[in-house]
Amino acid sequence: MNQDCEPGFSFSAWPLSLILMMASLFLAPPLALADEPPARPAGIDADRLLAQKISAYIDCINRHSNWTMGSRERYLDWIKDAKRGPTGREPVIYGLYPLYDISDCRAGIEKAANLPPAYPEIEQSAAAWVEAFVTLDSLVAEANRYYELENYKDDKMAKGKSMHPQLMEAFERFDAANNALYGQVVTTQDGLAERRLQRLAGDPALEREYLFALLNDRAKQIVRLMDSVGTKSFDRDGFATAVSEYEKAYFEADAYSTQQSGQSKEAFDSIMMMMALEYLKSAKSLMRSERGGFRFSAGERMFIEDGSGEMVEGHPKHLVDRYNRFIDASNRSSRHN
């Protein structure tokens, strides 16, 4: 019989995936007469343009941010002292994950900078994000080759020691750039989502769009309440309310989705709803785990201490992982409708 273990973990959420609000999801505006002068975009027209502009930033964040921070976590998993760096005497030396190619993402950000409306703050943040990533990518690639070829066995970890401060500085620089861009995109996206929900509400012809938009919104409310999970400031009642509201939105969307069997979009919606249910299960598990004081079994604790909390139901990383999977499925569904 496994003994229960006290949590003993510190949780810092990785960037959450963002909902890709495709411009095509907004209602089509009325056509202007040919002899009318072009008007300054307003209302839904302005939102459509803004959604198109920030979609490039969202794509980049979703594809690169979590993986990049995961590379840092992989590196620090086997290093006992992050300030001191590798010594060469570690029992296991994993190295770190190589980063994804950024070419398409970089081109998308450069293109977005020239799209209306002008948004200097977010455009500058996106450019800084790319610059920080490029610098980090070069260092990670060099370090990855060094550890993959086990060259530390030949130079007594000399290069690993010299690279460590540069790697840490580059990771910190990217983390700061990512946080800045992420925060600005989230604020912008929140406004878009709220206005879109208001337009969709009450229109029977747009029931699907409304129910799935509401589901995404309720899912977002849950993860935003978990920053302080495991501390005295955690809003347990607020979290329980958010889970309850998401559960209601899930069953409403699920009932609608079930009625649409046979439609061409069914497969993508079905995958999204499956991920939505997994997220609901994870949210309930976290709620119960927190209420019980985060007492994990010895086996579960091994995963947590290995940096794989996403494998353990009731752990905050599990919820983040299931949320990101749900948003990814939601984005895929949106692209095919």
Protein backbone atom coordinates (compact mmCIF):
# COMPACT_ATOMS: atom_id res chain seq x y z
CA MET A 1 0.00 0.00 0.00
CA ASN A 2 1.39 3.36 -1.03
CA GLN A 3 1.82 5.98 1.63
CA ASP A 4 0.42 9.42 1.02
CA CYS A 5 2.95 12.20 0.59
CA GLU A 6 2.67 15.88 1.35
CA PRO A 7 2.77 18.02 -1.83
CA GLY A 8 5.96 20.00 -1.30
CA PHE A 9 5.79 21.45 -4.80
CA SER A 10 5.99 24.99 -6.02
CA PHE A 11 3.81 25.63 -9.03
CA SER A 12 4.50 28.21 -11.67
CA ALA A 13 2.13 27.92 -14.62
CA TRP A 14 3.65 27.64 -18.05
CA PRO A 15 2.04 29.92 -20.61
CA LEU A 16 -1.42 28.67 -21.42
CA SER A 17 -2.40 28.07 -25.01
CA LEU A 18 -4.54 30.80 -26.52
CA ILE A 19 -7.81 30.48 -28.38
CA LEU A 20 -7.26 31.27 -32.04
CA MET A 21 -10.12 33.60 -32.93
CA MET A 22 -10.11 33.29 -36.68
CA ALA A 23 -11.32 36.38 -38.53
CA SER A 24 -13.73 34.12 -40.42
CA LEU A 25 -15.57 33.40 -37.16
CA PHE A 26 -16.92 36.94 -37.07
CA LEU A 27 -20.16 37.77 -38.80
CA ALA A 28 -19.87 39.10 -42.34
CA PRO A 29 -20.43 42.88 -42.52
CA PRO A 30 -22.91 44.43 -44.98
CA LEU A 31 -21.40 45.41 -48.32
CA ALA A 32 -20.90 49.13 -48.89
CA LEU A 33 -22.17 50.79 -52.04
CA ALA A 34 -19.54 51.19 -54.75
CA ASP A 35 -19.67 54.99 -54.68
CA GLU A 36 -19.37 55.24 -50.90
CA PRO A 37 -15.95 56.27 -49.56
CA PRO A 38 -14.28 53.63 -47.38
CA ALA A 39 -15.12 54.16 -43.72
CA ARG A 40 -12.82 53.69 -40.80
CA PRO A 41 -13.40 50.14 -39.54
CA ALA A 42 -15.59 50.01 -36.45
CA GLY A 43 -17.44 47.43 -34.43
CA ILE A 44 -17.34 44.00 -35.98
CA ASP A 45 -15.20 45.17 -38.92
CA ALA A 46 -12.53 46.43 -36.51
CA ASP A 47 -12.71 43.23 -34.50
CA ARG A 48 -12.28 41.12 -37.62
CA LEU A 49 -9.11 43.02 -38.56
CA LEU A 50 -7.77 42.84 -35.01
CA ALA A 51 -8.44 39.09 -34.82
CA GLN A 52 -6.57 38.61 -38.08
CA LYS A 53 -3.64 40.65 -36.81
CA ILE A 54 -3.18 38.91 -33.46
CA SER A 55 -3.67 35.41 -34.93
CA ALA A 56 0.01 35.40 -35.92
CA TYR A 57 1.05 36.17 -32.34
CA ILE A 58 -1.27 33.49 -30.99
CA ASP A 59 0.11 30.89 -33.38
CA CYS A 60 3.66 31.67 -32.27
CA ILE A 61 2.84 31.56 -28.56
CA ASN A 62 0.91 28.31 -28.89
CA ARG A 63 3.63 26.59 -30.90
CA HIS A 64 6.78 27.82 -29.20
CA SER A 65 6.26 29.15 -25.66
CA ASN A 66 5.43 25.98 -23.75
CA TRP A 67 8.00 23.90 -25.60
CA THR A 68 10.72 26.49 -25.05
CA MET A 69 10.01 26.72 -21.32
CA GLY A 70 9.89 22.92 -21.30
CA SER A 71 13.42 22.85 -22.69
CA ARG A 72 14.57 24.98 -19.78
CA GLU A 73 12.77 22.73 -17.32
CA ARG A 74 14.37 19.65 -18.89
CA TYR A 75 17.79 21.28 -18.49
CA LEU A 76 17.23 22.26 -14.86
CA ASP A 77 15.78 18.85 -13.98
CA TRP A 78 19.21 17.24 -13.80
CA ILE A 79 21.21 20.23 -12.55
CA LYS A 80 21.20 20.39 -8.76
CA ASP A 81 22.02 24.11 -8.51
CA ALA A 82 20.65 26.41 -11.21
CA LYS A 83 22.98 29.22 -10.18
CA ARG A 84 26.10 27.10 -10.19
CA GLY A 85 25.26 25.08 -13.28
CA PRO A 86 26.44 21.61 -14.34
CA THR A 87 29.43 20.08 -12.59
CA GLY A 88 29.94 16.90 -14.59
CA ARG A 89 29.31 14.82 -11.48
CA GLU A 90 25.53 14.56 -11.95
CA PRO A 91 24.18 10.96 -11.80
CA VAL A 92 22.22 11.51 -15.02
CA ILE A 93 22.86 14.18 -17.67
CA TYR A 94 19.88 14.76 -19.94
CA GLY A 95 20.88 17.91 -21.80
CA LEU A 96 17.90 19.90 -23.06
CA TYR A 97 15.31 19.89 -25.85
CA PRO A 98 16.12 21.54 -29.21
CA LEU A 99 13.67 24.31 -30.12
CA TYR A 100 11.23 24.31 -33.02
CA ASP A 101 12.06 26.13 -36.23
CA ILE A 102 10.74 29.68 -36.08
CA SER A 103 10.85 30.61 -39.78
CA ASP A 104 7.09 30.51 -40.45
CA CYS A 105 6.34 32.16 -37.15
CA ARG A 106 8.82 34.96 -37.79
CA ALA A 107 7.34 35.59 -41.25
CA GLY A 108 3.84 35.70 -39.75
CA ILE A 109 4.85 38.26 -37.13
CA GLU A 110 6.54 40.45 -39.72
CA LYS A 111 3.42 40.30 -41.90
CA ALA A 112 1.14 41.08 -38.95
CA ALA A 113 3.13 44.23 -38.20
CA ASN A 114 1.94 45.66 -41.53
CA LEU A 115 -1.71 44.71 -41.06
CA PRO A 116 -4.25 47.21 -39.76
CA PRO A 117 -4.99 48.36 -37.16
CA ALA A 118 -1.65 49.82 -36.06
CA TYR A 119 -0.78 48.45 -32.63
CA PRO A 120 2.73 49.72 -31.77
CA GLU A 121 2.94 48.18 -28.29
CA ILE A 122 2.12 44.64 -29.31
CA GLU A 123 4.13 44.92 -32.54
CA GLN A 124 7.22 45.95 -30.56
CA SER A 125 6.65 43.15 -28.07
CA ALA A 126 6.35 40.62 -30.90
CA ALA A 127 9.59 41.85 -32.47
CA ALA A 128 11.34 41.59 -29.09
CA TRP A 129 9.90 38.07 -28.70
CA VAL A 130 11.42 37.00 -32.04
CA GLU A 131 14.79 38.56 -31.22
CA ALA A 132 14.92 36.84 -27.83
CA PHE A 133 13.93 33.51 -29.37
CA VAL A 134 16.55 33.68 -32.12
CA THR A 135 19.31 34.37 -29.57
CA LEU A 136 18.12 31.54 -27.35
CA ASP A 137 17.71 29.11 -30.25
CA SER A 138 21.34 29.51 -31.27
CA LEU A 139 22.58 28.78 -27.74
CA VAL A 140 20.19 25.85 -27.23
CA ALA A 141 21.25 24.28 -30.54
CA GLU A 142 24.91 24.52 -29.54
CA ALA A 143 24.24 23.11 -26.08
CA ASN A 144 22.07 20.34 -27.46
CA ARG A 145 24.86 19.19 -29.77
CA TYR A 146 27.32 19.26 -26.90
CA TYR A 147 25.14 17.12 -24.63
CA GLU A 148 23.82 14.84 -27.34
CA LEU A 149 27.36 13.92 -28.42
CA GLU A 150 28.38 13.60 -24.75
CA ASN A 151 31.33 15.90 -25.33
CA TYR A 152 31.29 16.70 -21.62
CA LYS A 153 33.02 13.37 -21.14
CA ASP A 154 35.99 14.69 -23.10
CA ASP A 155 36.41 18.16 -21.59
CA LYS A 156 35.27 17.45 -18.02
CA MET A 157 32.15 19.60 -18.57
CA ALA A 158 34.24 22.71 -19.29
CA LYS A 159 32.04 23.92 -22.11
CA GLY A 160 28.86 23.02 -20.23
CA LYS A 161 30.00 25.21 -17.35
CA SER A 162 30.89 28.13 -19.62
CA MET A 163 27.60 27.90 -21.55
CA HIS A 164 25.40 27.79 -18.45
CA PRO A 165 25.29 31.53 -17.61
CA GLN A 166 24.60 32.39 -21.24
CA LEU A 167 21.79 29.83 -21.43
CA MET A 168 20.18 31.06 -18.22
CA GLU A 169 20.36 34.68 -19.32
CA ALA A 170 18.86 33.83 -22.73
CA PHE A 171 16.05 31.78 -21.17
CA GLU A 172 15.25 34.61 -18.76
CA ARG A 173 15.25 37.13 -21.59
CA PHE A 174 12.87 35.01 -23.64
CA ASP A 175 10.67 34.39 -20.60
CA ALA A 176 10.34 38.16 -20.04
CA ALA A 177 9.63 38.82 -23.72
CA ASN A 178 7.09 35.99 -23.80
CA ASN A 179 5.31 37.25 -20.69
CA ALA A 180 5.05 40.73 -22.17
CA LEU A 181 3.64 39.53 -25.50
CA TYR A 182 1.39 36.97 -23.84
CA GLY A 183 -0.13 39.55 -21.50
CA GLN A 184 -0.88 42.00 -24.29
CA VAL A 185 -2.39 39.32 -26.52
CA VAL A 186 -4.55 37.98 -23.67
CA THR A 187 -5.91 41.47 -22.90
CA THR A 188 -6.69 42.07 -26.56
CA GLN A 189 -8.22 38.64 -26.98
CA ASP A 190 -10.41 39.05 -23.90
CA GLY A 191 -12.00 42.12 -25.43
CA LEU A 192 -12.58 40.34 -28.73
CA ALA A 193 -14.10 37.31 -27.01
CA GLU A 194 -16.43 39.35 -24.82
CA ARG A 195 -17.75 41.41 -27.74
CA ARG A 196 -18.19 38.27 -29.86
CA LEU A 197 -20.16 36.52 -27.13
CA GLN A 198 -22.46 39.51 -26.90
CA ARG A 199 -23.08 39.44 -30.65
CA LEU A 200 -23.73 35.70 -30.72
CA ALA A 201 -26.04 35.51 -27.71
CA GLY A 202 -29.70 35.08 -28.50
CA ASP A 203 -29.32 34.37 -32.23
CA PRO A 204 -30.68 30.84 -32.93
CA ALA A 205 -28.85 30.72 -36.27
CA LEU A 206 -25.53 31.02 -34.42
CA GLU A 207 -26.21 28.58 -31.61
CA ARG A 208 -23.17 26.42 -32.32
CA GLU A 209 -20.80 29.38 -32.41
CA TYR A 210 -22.26 30.76 -29.20
CA LEU A 211 -22.16 27.50 -27.24
CA PHE A 212 -18.55 26.75 -28.20
CA ALA A 213 -17.46 30.34 -27.57
CA LEU A 214 -19.10 30.17 -24.14
CA LEU A 215 -17.36 26.86 -23.43
CA ASN A 216 -13.99 28.41 -24.24
CA ASP A 217 -14.74 31.40 -22.05
CA ARG A 218 -15.75 29.26 -19.07
CA ALA A 219 -12.66 27.08 -19.52
CA LYS A 220 -10.49 30.18 -19.41
CA GLN A 221 -12.04 31.33 -16.13
CA ILE A 222 -10.91 28.14 -14.38
CA VAL A 223 -7.21 28.38 -15.22
CA ARG A 224 -7.13 32.04 -14.31
CA LEU A 225 -8.08 31.19 -10.76
CA MET A 226 -5.33 28.63 -10.21
CA ASP A 227 -2.28 30.93 -10.02
CA SER A 228 -2.40 30.82 -6.22
CA VAL A 229 -3.37 27.16 -5.89
CA GLY A 230 -1.63 25.55 -2.94
CA THR A 231 -1.41 28.85 -1.03
CA LYS A 232 -3.64 30.49 1.57
CA SER A 233 -4.81 33.08 -0.96
CA PHE A 234 -6.34 30.44 -3.26
CA ASP A 235 -10.03 31.22 -3.86
CA ARG A 236 -11.47 27.76 -3.30
CA ASP A 237 -15.11 28.87 -3.57
CA GLY A 238 -14.44 30.91 -6.68
CA PHE A 239 -12.66 27.99 -8.29
CA ALA A 240 -15.55 25.64 -7.47
CA THR A 241 -18.01 28.12 -8.97
CA ALA A 242 -15.91 28.42 -12.14
CA VAL A 243 -15.79 24.62 -12.48
CA SER A 244 -19.56 24.42 -12.01
CA GLU A 245 -20.17 27.06 -14.69
CA TYR A 246 -17.82 25.29 -17.08
CA GLU A 247 -19.58 21.98 -16.42
CA LYS A 248 -22.93 23.57 -17.30
CA ALA A 249 -21.48 25.06 -20.50
CA TYR A 250 -19.95 21.68 -21.38
CA PHE A 251 -23.24 19.78 -21.14
CA GLU A 252 -25.06 22.44 -23.15
CA ALA A 253 -22.44 22.26 -25.91
CA ASP A 254 -22.36 18.47 -25.73
CA ALA A 255 -26.14 18.24 -26.13
CA TYR A 256 -25.98 20.45 -29.21
CA SER A 257 -23.01 18.56 -30.66
CA THR A 258 -24.81 15.22 -30.19
CA GLN A 259 -27.75 16.51 -32.21
CA GLN A 260 -25.48 17.36 -35.14
CA SER A 261 -24.41 13.78 -35.97
CA GLY A 262 -23.82 13.29 -39.66
CA GLN A 263 -22.55 16.81 -40.30
CA SER A 264 -19.16 17.21 -42.03
CA LYS A 265 -17.81 19.15 -39.05
CA GLU A 266 -18.79 16.41 -36.61
CA ALA A 267 -15.35 14.76 -36.37
CA PHE A 268 -13.53 17.95 -35.37
CA ASP A 269 -16.27 18.95 -32.92
CA SER A 270 -16.23 15.44 -31.45
CA ILE A 271 -12.49 15.62 -30.72
CA MET A 272 -12.91 19.05 -29.20
CA MET A 273 -15.72 17.84 -26.93
CA MET A 274 -13.65 14.83 -25.88
CA MET A 275 -10.82 17.17 -24.84
CA ALA A 276 -13.36 19.45 -23.13
CA LEU A 277 -14.53 16.51 -21.03
CA GLU A 278 -10.94 15.58 -20.11
CA TYR A 279 -10.41 19.16 -18.99
CA LEU A 280 -13.56 19.03 -16.86
CA LYS A 281 -12.36 15.82 -15.20
CA SER A 282 -8.97 17.38 -14.51
CA ALA A 283 -10.54 20.51 -13.00
CA LYS A 284 -12.64 18.41 -10.67
CA SER A 285 -9.61 16.30 -9.72
CA LEU A 286 -7.60 19.41 -8.88
CA MET A 287 -10.48 20.80 -6.83
CA ARG A 288 -10.69 17.59 -4.80
CA SER A 289 -6.92 17.29 -4.49
CA GLU A 290 -6.57 20.85 -3.20
CA ARG A 291 -9.42 20.30 -0.77
CA GLY A 292 -7.61 17.22 0.57
CA GLY A 293 -4.30 19.02 1.01
CA PHE A 294 -2.56 17.71 -2.13
CA ARG A 295 -1.65 14.36 -0.64
CA PHE A 296 -0.06 12.35 -3.44
CA SER A 297 1.03 8.73 -3.37
CA ALA A 298 4.70 7.80 -3.48
CA GLY A 299 4.37 6.80 -7.14
CA GLU A 300 2.67 10.07 -8.04
CA ARG A 301 5.30 11.99 -6.12
CA MET A 302 8.00 10.40 -8.28
CA PHE A 303 6.38 11.87 -11.41
CA ILE A 304 6.05 15.27 -9.73
CA GLU A 305 9.66 15.36 -8.56
CA ASP A 306 10.75 14.34 -12.06
CA GLY A 307 9.00 17.44 -13.43
CA SER A 308 6.14 15.42 -14.93
CA GLY A 309 3.24 16.71 -12.86
CA GLU A 310 1.06 16.64 -15.97
CA MET A 311 0.98 12.84 -15.57
CA VAL A 312 -0.68 13.09 -12.14
CA GLU A 313 -4.40 13.75 -11.80
CA GLY A 314 -5.05 16.45 -9.23
CA HIS A 315 -1.77 18.25 -9.90
CA PRO A 316 -1.88 21.80 -11.33
CA LYS A 317 0.28 20.82 -14.29
CA HIS A 318 -2.27 18.16 -15.22
CA LEU A 319 -4.94 20.84 -15.49
CA VAL A 320 -2.70 23.12 -17.57
CA ASP A 321 -1.90 20.22 -19.89
CA ARG A 322 -5.57 19.30 -20.37
CA TYR A 323 -6.49 22.94 -20.91
CA ASN A 324 -3.85 23.31 -23.61
CA ARG A 325 -5.06 20.13 -25.30
CA PHE A 326 -8.63 21.41 -25.25
CA ILE A 327 -7.65 24.77 -26.74
CA ASP A 328 -5.61 23.05 -29.44
CA ALA A 329 -8.62 20.89 -30.37
CA SER A 330 -10.88 23.95 -30.27
CA ASN A 331 -8.56 25.83 -32.61
CA ARG A 332 -8.50 22.88 -35.02
CA SER A 333 -12.28 22.69 -34.98
CA SER A 334 -12.55 26.42 -35.70
CA ARG A 335 -10.24 26.14 -38.70
CA HIS A 336 -12.52 23.52 -40.29
CA ASN A 337 -15.81 25.38 -39.82
